[in-house]
Amino acid sequence: MMNFNAKLIALLFGLVILFTSTLSLSAQSAIGTVVTLTGYILNGNNLLPVEAHYALYDATGKKVGQSHTANAHDGYLVTGLRSGEQYLIKVEDPRYLKQEFKIEVPKTSKYAEISKDFVVRPMEVGRKMAMQPVPFDLKKTALKVGTEQDMDEVARMLILNPSVNVDVLCYPDENGNADAIQQVSAARGASLKAFLIKAGVSAQRVSVRNAASTDPINPPPLRKGAKGKRYVGPAYLVITKV
C-alpha cells in the first residue's frame, strides 16, 4: 500500500512539473524572449567611460527608447531587446559626433545579456581621430584590401554630421627627405579623400594636410619589430569645423 501511494505521489508530482513547464514555455512564447544589452560608452581620445545621451531604434527606424548614462562608470543598460532582431544605438549628445552602432541580437529561447562597448568622438575643433586599423600597407599609398568596412563606418560618421569638416593627415612609414615624406603623405591623403567622396561625403568638407615627418606622437620603433609586425604610418582625421 505504501509503495502504491509513493508511486501515485511521484506521478502527480511529475504531472505538476510538466504542467508548470508547459505554462512557462507558453508564457515565454507569448511575451517573447527578452535580451539585455550592457556595456560602457568610451571617449575615443583616452578610452575612458563617459556620460552620453543615446537612443534605441528598431529595424524599421522607429525610436523605441532613449536614455543616458547617469554615471559613466556604471555604464549603460538597454533591456527589452527581442531574440533575432536588429537594432541601432544612436549617440544623440551635442558633446559628441553623431554615431550609429548596429546591434544584432542572437536567436535564443532564454533570457540573455550581451556586453558591448561603444567609442564616441568628442565634437571639438582640432581633435585628431586615429583611423584603426591603419588603412595602408607598408610603403603603399593605395588603400589596402579589406579596409572597406572600416572606411564605410568613417564615411557614415561624417555623413551623420554634415556640419563637420575634416583634414586627412597621413604619415609615412619611415623618415627620409622632406619631398619624399610629403609625396607619401599627399598620396595617402588623396586615397582616403577619394574614398570618402565616393561614399557620399562632400568634397568641400574634406581637405588633405601633408605631413613633414613621421608621426611625432606614434613614431616608428627604434628596434625592428617581431616577424610579421611591421610599422605603418598612422592616418588621422582632424576636425577643422563643427
C-alpha atoms as a PDB file:
ATOM      1  CA  MET A   1       0.000   0.000   0.000  1.00  0.00           C
ATOM      2  CA  MET A   2       2.848   2.378   0.843  1.00  0.00           C
ATOM      3  CA  ASN A   3       4.619   1.590  -2.449  1.00  0.00           C
ATOM      4  CA  PHE A   4       1.392   2.360  -4.368  1.00  0.00           C
ATOM      5  CA  ASN A   5       0.979   5.696  -2.540  1.00  0.00           C
ATOM      6  CA  ALA A   6       4.603   6.624  -3.191  1.00  0.00           C
ATOM      7  CA  LYS A   7       4.233   5.847  -6.900  1.00  0.00           C
ATOM      8  CA  LEU A   8       0.992   7.860  -7.042  1.00  0.00           C
ATOM      9  CA  ILE A   9       2.616  10.857  -5.370  1.00  0.00           C
ATOM     10  CA  ALA A  10       5.616  10.660  -7.738  1.00  0.00           C
ATOM     11  CA  LEU A  11       3.271  10.518 -10.736  1.00  0.00           C
ATOM     12  CA  LEU A  12       1.260  13.514  -9.536  1.00  0.00           C
ATOM     13  CA  PHE A  13       4.472  15.441  -8.833  1.00  0.00           C
ATOM     14  CA  GLY A  14       5.708  14.712 -12.346  1.00  0.00           C
ATOM     15  CA  LEU A  15       2.422  15.914 -13.861  1.00  0.00           C
ATOM     16  CA  VAL A  16       2.669  19.159 -11.862  1.00  0.00           C
ATOM     17  CA  ILE A  17       6.222  19.784 -13.154  1.00  0.00           C
ATOM     18  CA  LEU A  18       5.166  19.059 -16.738  1.00  0.00           C
ATOM     19  CA  PHE A  19       2.142  21.356 -16.435  1.00  0.00           C
ATOM     20  CA  THR A  20       4.229  24.148 -14.900  1.00  0.00           C
ATOM     21  CA  SER A  21       6.915  23.842 -17.593  1.00  0.00           C
ATOM     22  CA  THR A  22       4.262  23.982 -20.319  1.00  0.00           C
ATOM     23  CA  LEU A  23       2.784  27.138 -18.817  1.00  0.00           C
ATOM     24  CA  SER A  24       6.251  28.707 -18.574  1.00  0.00           C
ATOM     25  CA  LEU A  25       7.063  27.952 -22.210  1.00  0.00           C
ATOM     26  CA  SER A  26       3.661  29.239 -23.310  1.00  0.00           C
ATOM     27  CA  ALA A  27       4.119  32.456 -21.383  1.00  0.00           C
ATOM     28  CA  GLN A  28       7.606  32.918 -22.791  1.00  0.00           C
ATOM     29  CA  SER A  29       6.281  32.361 -26.288  1.00  0.00           C
ATOM     30  CA  ALA A  30       3.524  34.895 -25.709  1.00  0.00           C
ATOM     31  CA  ILE A  31       5.766  37.738 -24.495  1.00  0.00           C
ATOM     32  CA  GLY A  32       8.905  36.804 -26.454  1.00  0.00           C
ATOM     33  CA  THR A  33      12.407  36.179 -25.132  1.00  0.00           C
ATOM     34  CA  VAL A  34      13.972  39.295 -23.600  1.00  0.00           C
ATOM     35  CA  VAL A  35      17.631  40.187 -24.159  1.00  0.00           C
ATOM     36  CA  THR A  36      19.558  42.882 -22.264  1.00  0.00           C
ATOM     37  CA  LEU A  37      22.469  44.905 -23.667  1.00  0.00           C
ATOM     38  CA  THR A  38      25.050  46.373 -21.301  1.00  0.00           C
ATOM     39  CA  GLY A  39      28.457  47.992 -21.589  1.00  0.00           C
ATOM     40  CA  TYR A  40      30.309  51.288 -21.494  1.00  0.00           C
ATOM     41  CA  ILE A  41      30.399  54.389 -23.680  1.00  0.00           C
ATOM     42  CA  LEU A  42      34.073  55.273 -24.085  1.00  0.00           C
ATOM     43  CA  ASN A  43      35.791  58.520 -25.012  1.00  0.00           C
ATOM     44  CA  GLY A  44      37.709  57.959 -28.262  1.00  0.00           C
ATOM     45  CA  ASN A  45      40.597  60.116 -27.010  1.00  0.00           C
ATOM     46  CA  ASN A  46      41.515  58.029 -23.985  1.00  0.00           C
ATOM     47  CA  LEU A  47      39.046  55.090 -23.982  1.00  0.00           C
ATOM     48  CA  LEU A  48      37.736  56.072 -20.549  1.00  0.00           C
ATOM     49  CA  PRO A  49      33.999  55.758 -19.713  1.00  0.00           C
ATOM     50  CA  VAL A  50      31.914  58.893 -20.268  1.00  0.00           C
ATOM     51  CA  GLU A  51      28.321  60.025 -19.797  1.00  0.00           C
ATOM     52  CA  ALA A  52      26.333  60.354 -23.018  1.00  0.00           C
ATOM     53  CA  HIS A  53      22.769  60.522 -24.307  1.00  0.00           C
ATOM     54  CA  TYR A  54      21.732  57.714 -26.650  1.00  0.00           C
ATOM     55  CA  ALA A  55      18.596  56.302 -28.268  1.00  0.00           C
ATOM     56  CA  LEU A  56      17.482  52.864 -29.435  1.00  0.00           C
ATOM     57  CA  TYR A  57      15.877  52.291 -32.842  1.00  0.00           C
ATOM     58  CA  ASP A  58      14.376  49.085 -34.221  1.00  0.00           C
ATOM     59  CA  ALA A  59      14.882  47.650 -37.721  1.00  0.00           C
ATOM     60  CA  THR A  60      12.076  49.839 -39.137  1.00  0.00           C
ATOM     61  CA  GLY A  61      13.763  53.020 -37.927  1.00  0.00           C
ATOM     62  CA  LYS A  62      11.291  53.590 -35.107  1.00  0.00           C
ATOM     63  CA  LYS A  63      12.691  55.003 -31.870  1.00  0.00           C
ATOM     64  CA  VAL A  64      11.821  52.511 -29.145  1.00  0.00           C
ATOM     65  CA  GLY A  65      13.708  54.067 -26.254  1.00  0.00           C
ATOM     66  CA  GLN A  66      16.178  56.695 -25.126  1.00  0.00           C
ATOM     67  CA  SER A  67      18.312  57.247 -22.083  1.00  0.00           C
ATOM     68  CA  HIS A  68      21.689  58.448 -20.865  1.00  0.00           C
ATOM     69  CA  THR A  69      24.475  57.099 -18.732  1.00  0.00           C
ATOM     70  CA  ALA A  70      23.809  58.769 -15.387  1.00  0.00           C
ATOM     71  CA  ASN A  71      27.209  57.657 -14.128  1.00  0.00           C
ATOM     72  CA  ALA A  72      29.999  56.976 -16.610  1.00  0.00           C
ATOM     73  CA  HIS A  73      31.499  54.184 -14.527  1.00  0.00           C
ATOM     74  CA  ASP A  74      28.153  52.384 -14.211  1.00  0.00           C
ATOM     75  CA  GLY A  75      27.882  52.099 -17.984  1.00  0.00           C
ATOM     76  CA  TYR A  76      24.644  51.859 -19.941  1.00  0.00           C
ATOM     77  CA  LEU A  77      21.835  49.288 -19.929  1.00  0.00           C
ATOM     78  CA  VAL A  78      19.202  48.598 -22.595  1.00  0.00           C
ATOM     79  CA  THR A  79      16.654  45.860 -21.975  1.00  0.00           C
ATOM     80  CA  GLY A  80      13.602  44.521 -23.774  1.00  0.00           C
ATOM     81  CA  LEU A  81      15.502  43.538 -26.941  1.00  0.00           C
ATOM     82  CA  ARG A  82      13.938  40.670 -28.870  1.00  0.00           C
ATOM     83  CA  SER A  83      15.658  37.478 -29.934  1.00  0.00           C
ATOM     84  CA  GLY A  84      16.913  37.528 -33.527  1.00  0.00           C
ATOM     85  CA  GLU A  85      16.111  41.224 -34.095  1.00  0.00           C
ATOM     86  CA  GLN A  86      18.351  44.072 -35.290  1.00  0.00           C
ATOM     87  CA  TYR A  87      18.650  47.471 -33.604  1.00  0.00           C
ATOM     88  CA  LEU A  88      20.617  50.706 -33.813  1.00  0.00           C
ATOM     89  CA  ILE A  89      22.117  52.549 -30.879  1.00  0.00           C
ATOM     90  CA  LYS A  90      22.430  56.209 -31.885  1.00  0.00           C
ATOM     91  CA  VAL A  91      24.553  58.671 -29.935  1.00  0.00           C
ATOM     92  CA  GLU A  92      22.454  61.835 -29.641  1.00  0.00           C
ATOM     93  CA  ASP A  93      24.582  64.107 -27.484  1.00  0.00           C
ATOM     94  CA  PRO A  94      25.828  67.565 -28.618  1.00  0.00           C
ATOM     95  CA  ARG A  95      29.164  66.942 -26.935  1.00  0.00           C
ATOM     96  CA  TYR A  96      29.964  64.113 -29.353  1.00  0.00           C
ATOM     97  CA  LEU A  97      29.762  63.391 -33.043  1.00  0.00           C
ATOM     98  CA  LYS A  98      26.554  61.628 -34.006  1.00  0.00           C
ATOM     99  CA  GLN A  99      27.260  57.932 -34.481  1.00  0.00           C
ATOM    100  CA  GLU A 100      25.301  54.736 -35.082  1.00  0.00           C
ATOM    101  CA  PHE A 101      26.119  51.273 -33.775  1.00  0.00           C
ATOM    102  CA  LYS A 102      24.372  48.231 -35.183  1.00  0.00           C
ATOM    103  CA  ILE A 103      23.195  45.582 -32.720  1.00  0.00           C
ATOM    104  CA  GLU A 104      22.325  42.106 -33.946  1.00  0.00           C
ATOM    105  CA  VAL A 105      20.609  40.130 -31.197  1.00  0.00           C
ATOM    106  CA  PRO A 106      21.332  36.394 -31.482  1.00  0.00           C
ATOM    107  CA  LYS A 107      18.467  33.938 -31.561  1.00  0.00           C
ATOM    108  CA  THR A 108      17.830  32.462 -28.143  1.00  0.00           C
ATOM    109  CA  SER A 109      14.950  30.904 -26.238  1.00  0.00           C
ATOM    110  CA  LYS A 110      16.203  32.069 -22.836  1.00  0.00           C
ATOM    111  CA  TYR A 111      16.870  35.402 -21.196  1.00  0.00           C
ATOM    112  CA  ALA A 112      20.340  36.601 -22.225  1.00  0.00           C
ATOM    113  CA  GLU A 113      22.721  39.506 -21.619  1.00  0.00           C
ATOM    114  CA  ILE A 114      25.052  40.939 -24.274  1.00  0.00           C
ATOM    115  CA  SER A 115      28.052  43.086 -23.375  1.00  0.00           C
ATOM    116  CA  LYS A 116      29.299  45.669 -25.889  1.00  0.00           C
ATOM    117  CA  ASP A 117      31.271  48.913 -25.551  1.00  0.00           C
ATOM    118  CA  PHE A 118      30.881  51.926 -27.860  1.00  0.00           C
ATOM    119  CA  VAL A 119      33.543  54.531 -28.668  1.00  0.00           C
ATOM    120  CA  VAL A 120      32.343  58.123 -29.156  1.00  0.00           C
ATOM    121  CA  ARG A 121      34.254  61.079 -30.629  1.00  0.00           C
ATOM    122  CA  PRO A 122      34.205  64.493 -28.901  1.00  0.00           C
ATOM    123  CA  MET A 123      32.859  67.360 -31.044  1.00  0.00           C
ATOM    124  CA  GLU A 124      35.964  69.569 -30.782  1.00  0.00           C
ATOM    125  CA  VAL A 125      37.869  71.585 -33.379  1.00  0.00           C
ATOM    126  CA  GLY A 126      41.466  70.359 -33.569  1.00  0.00           C
ATOM    127  CA  ARG A 127      40.631  66.896 -32.264  1.00  0.00           C
ATOM    128  CA  LYS A 128      42.533  64.112 -34.052  1.00  0.00           C
ATOM    129  CA  MET A 129      40.759  60.812 -34.665  1.00  0.00           C
ATOM    130  CA  ALA A 130      43.073  57.891 -35.385  1.00  0.00           C
ATOM    131  CA  MET A 131      41.882  55.532 -38.105  1.00  0.00           C
ATOM    132  CA  GLN A 132      42.103  51.972 -36.808  1.00  0.00           C
ATOM    133  CA  PRO A 133      43.278  49.702 -38.218  1.00  0.00           C
ATOM    134  CA  VAL A 134      45.744  51.705 -40.334  1.00  0.00           C
ATOM    135  CA  PRO A 135      44.266  51.629 -43.865  1.00  0.00           C
ATOM    136  CA  PHE A 136      47.571  51.235 -45.746  1.00  0.00           C
ATOM    137  CA  ASP A 137      50.143  48.542 -46.327  1.00  0.00           C
ATOM    138  CA  LEU A 138      53.851  49.160 -45.787  1.00  0.00           C
ATOM    139  CA  LYS A 139      55.217  51.678 -48.342  1.00  0.00           C
ATOM    140  CA  LYS A 140      51.892  51.731 -50.223  1.00  0.00           C
ATOM    141  CA  THR A 141      49.658  54.726 -50.871  1.00  0.00           C
ATOM    142  CA  ALA A 142      46.530  52.925 -52.100  1.00  0.00           C
ATOM    143  CA  LEU A 143      44.004  51.725 -49.514  1.00  0.00           C
ATOM    144  CA  LYS A 144      44.704  48.139 -48.590  1.00  0.00           C
ATOM    145  CA  VAL A 145      42.242  45.384 -49.360  1.00  0.00           C
ATOM    146  CA  GLY A 146      39.863  44.645 -46.505  1.00  0.00           C
ATOM    147  CA  THR A 147      39.559  48.186 -45.126  1.00  0.00           C
ATOM    148  CA  GLU A 148      36.285  48.964 -46.885  1.00  0.00           C
ATOM    149  CA  GLN A 149      34.046  48.184 -43.915  1.00  0.00           C
ATOM    150  CA  ASP A 150      36.093  50.314 -41.520  1.00  0.00           C
ATOM    151  CA  MET A 151      36.208  53.153 -44.036  1.00  0.00           C
ATOM    152  CA  ASP A 152      32.457  52.901 -44.624  1.00  0.00           C
ATOM    153  CA  GLU A 153      31.921  53.487 -40.893  1.00  0.00           C
ATOM    154  CA  VAL A 154      34.124  56.598 -41.027  1.00  0.00           C
ATOM    155  CA  ALA A 155      32.204  57.907 -44.049  1.00  0.00           C
ATOM    156  CA  ARG A 156      28.887  57.192 -42.332  1.00  0.00           C
ATOM    157  CA  MET A 157      30.003  59.148 -39.269  1.00  0.00           C
ATOM    158  CA  LEU A 158      30.826  62.174 -41.438  1.00  0.00           C
ATOM    159  CA  ILE A 159      27.512  61.904 -43.298  1.00  0.00           C
ATOM    160  CA  LEU A 160      25.664  61.901 -39.957  1.00  0.00           C
ATOM    161  CA  ASN A 161      27.493  65.120 -39.020  1.00  0.00           C
ATOM    162  CA  PRO A 162      27.073  67.367 -42.078  1.00  0.00           C
ATOM    163  CA  SER A 163      28.392  70.487 -40.308  1.00  0.00           C
ATOM    164  CA  VAL A 164      31.760  68.866 -39.564  1.00  0.00           C
ATOM    165  CA  ASN A 165      34.776  69.461 -41.810  1.00  0.00           C
ATOM    166  CA  VAL A 166      37.992  67.468 -41.506  1.00  0.00           C
ATOM    167  CA  ASP A 167      41.594  67.359 -42.642  1.00  0.00           C
ATOM    168  CA  VAL A 168      43.011  63.993 -43.660  1.00  0.00           C
ATOM    169  CA  LEU A 169      46.512  63.624 -42.219  1.00  0.00           C
ATOM    170  CA  CYS A 170      48.586  60.579 -43.177  1.00  0.00           C
ATOM    171  CA  TYR A 171      52.128  59.846 -42.054  1.00  0.00           C
ATOM    172  CA  PRO A 172      54.851  57.889 -43.878  1.00  0.00           C
ATOM    173  CA  ASP A 173      56.369  54.660 -42.583  1.00  0.00           C
ATOM    174  CA  GLU A 174      59.907  55.996 -42.167  1.00  0.00           C
ATOM    175  CA  ASN A 175      61.915  59.187 -42.162  1.00  0.00           C
ATOM    176  CA  GLY A 176      63.579  60.395 -45.335  1.00  0.00           C
ATOM    177  CA  ASN A 177      63.944  63.601 -47.289  1.00  0.00           C
ATOM    178  CA  ALA A 178      61.162  66.149 -46.934  1.00  0.00           C
ATOM    179  CA  ASP A 179      59.939  65.828 -50.517  1.00  0.00           C
ATOM    180  CA  ALA A 180      59.567  62.040 -50.283  1.00  0.00           C
ATOM    181  CA  ILE A 181      57.701  62.294 -46.982  1.00  0.00           C
ATOM    182  CA  GLN A 182      55.257  64.868 -48.331  1.00  0.00           C
ATOM    183  CA  GLN A 183      54.677  62.839 -51.507  1.00  0.00           C
ATOM    184  CA  VAL A 184      53.718  59.756 -49.483  1.00  0.00           C
ATOM    185  CA  SER A 185      51.571  61.823 -47.122  1.00  0.00           C
ATOM    186  CA  ALA A 186      49.793  63.592 -50.005  1.00  0.00           C
ATOM    187  CA  ALA A 187      49.168  60.371 -51.963  1.00  0.00           C
ATOM    188  CA  ARG A 188      47.751  58.549 -48.936  1.00  0.00           C
ATOM    189  CA  GLY A 189      45.581  61.522 -48.048  1.00  0.00           C
ATOM    190  CA  ALA A 190      44.267  61.679 -51.610  1.00  0.00           C
ATOM    191  CA  SER A 191      43.332  57.977 -51.467  1.00  0.00           C
ATOM    192  CA  LEU A 192      41.365  58.476 -48.264  1.00  0.00           C
ATOM    193  CA  LYS A 193      39.652  61.622 -49.536  1.00  0.00           C
ATOM    194  CA  ALA A 194      38.656  59.884 -52.776  1.00  0.00           C
ATOM    195  CA  PHE A 195      37.076  57.024 -50.820  1.00  0.00           C
ATOM    196  CA  LEU A 196      35.104  59.386 -48.588  1.00  0.00           C
ATOM    197  CA  ILE A 197      33.814  61.379 -51.565  1.00  0.00           C
ATOM    198  CA  LYS A 198      32.773  58.201 -53.360  1.00  0.00           C
ATOM    199  CA  ALA A 199      30.937  57.125 -50.195  1.00  0.00           C
ATOM    200  CA  GLY A 200      28.869  60.321 -50.223  1.00  0.00           C
ATOM    201  CA  VAL A 201      30.864  62.888 -48.232  1.00  0.00           C
ATOM    202  CA  SER A 202      31.007  66.319 -49.880  1.00  0.00           C
ATOM    203  CA  ALA A 203      34.459  67.102 -51.297  1.00  0.00           C
ATOM    204  CA  GLN A 204      34.296  70.612 -49.784  1.00  0.00           C
ATOM    205  CA  ARG A 205      34.261  69.092 -46.307  1.00  0.00           C
ATOM    206  CA  VAL A 206      37.492  67.106 -46.688  1.00  0.00           C
ATOM    207  CA  SER A 207      40.990  68.570 -47.120  1.00  0.00           C
ATOM    208  CA  VAL A 208      44.368  66.862 -47.248  1.00  0.00           C
ATOM    209  CA  ARG A 209      47.102  68.043 -44.890  1.00  0.00           C
ATOM    210  CA  ASN A 210      50.634  66.906 -45.716  1.00  0.00           C
ATOM    211  CA  ALA A 211      52.975  65.621 -43.002  1.00  0.00           C
ATOM    212  CA  ALA A 212      56.527  66.998 -42.759  1.00  0.00           C
ATOM    213  CA  SER A 213      57.920  64.000 -40.861  1.00  0.00           C
ATOM    214  CA  THR A 214      56.904  60.696 -39.330  1.00  0.00           C
ATOM    215  CA  ASP A 215      54.253  60.842 -36.601  1.00  0.00           C
ATOM    216  CA  PRO A 216      55.767  62.565 -33.541  1.00  0.00           C
ATOM    217  CA  ILE A 217      53.115  61.012 -31.281  1.00  0.00           C
ATOM    218  CA  ASN A 218      53.369  57.471 -32.636  1.00  0.00           C
ATOM    219  CA  PRO A 219      56.820  57.317 -34.298  1.00  0.00           C
ATOM    220  CA  PRO A 220      58.485  54.270 -35.879  1.00  0.00           C
ATOM    221  CA  PRO A 221      60.044  51.936 -33.280  1.00  0.00           C
ATOM    222  CA  LEU A 222      63.771  52.232 -32.646  1.00  0.00           C
ATOM    223  CA  ARG A 223      64.176  48.470 -32.895  1.00  0.00           C
ATOM    224  CA  LYS A 224      62.909  46.122 -35.550  1.00  0.00           C
ATOM    225  CA  GLY A 225      59.546  44.608 -34.581  1.00  0.00           C
ATOM    226  CA  ALA A 226      58.663  40.947 -34.307  1.00  0.00           C
ATOM    227  CA  LYS A 227      58.365  38.997 -37.528  1.00  0.00           C
ATOM    228  CA  GLY A 228      55.151  39.878 -39.301  1.00  0.00           C
ATOM    229  CA  LYS A 229      54.626  43.046 -37.228  1.00  0.00           C
ATOM    230  CA  ARG A 230      55.778  45.971 -39.343  1.00  0.00           C
ATOM    231  CA  TYR A 231      55.237  49.639 -38.540  1.00  0.00           C
ATOM    232  CA  VAL A 232      52.967  51.555 -40.910  1.00  0.00           C
ATOM    233  CA  GLY A 233      52.464  55.295 -40.562  1.00  0.00           C
ATOM    234  CA  PRO A 234      49.186  56.261 -38.823  1.00  0.00           C
ATOM    235  CA  ALA A 235      46.324  58.094 -40.510  1.00  0.00           C
ATOM    236  CA  TYR A 236      44.072  60.633 -38.803  1.00  0.00           C
ATOM    237  CA  LEU A 237      41.008  62.755 -39.371  1.00  0.00           C
ATOM    238  CA  VAL A 238      41.459  66.198 -37.795  1.00  0.00           C
ATOM    239  CA  ILE A 239      38.268  68.166 -37.075  1.00  0.00           C
ATOM    240  CA  THR A 240      38.560  71.677 -38.528  1.00  0.00           C
ATOM    241  CA  LYS A 241      34.932  72.829 -38.233  1.00  0.00           C
ATOM    242  CA  VAL A 242      31.884  71.738 -36.201  1.00  0.00           C
END
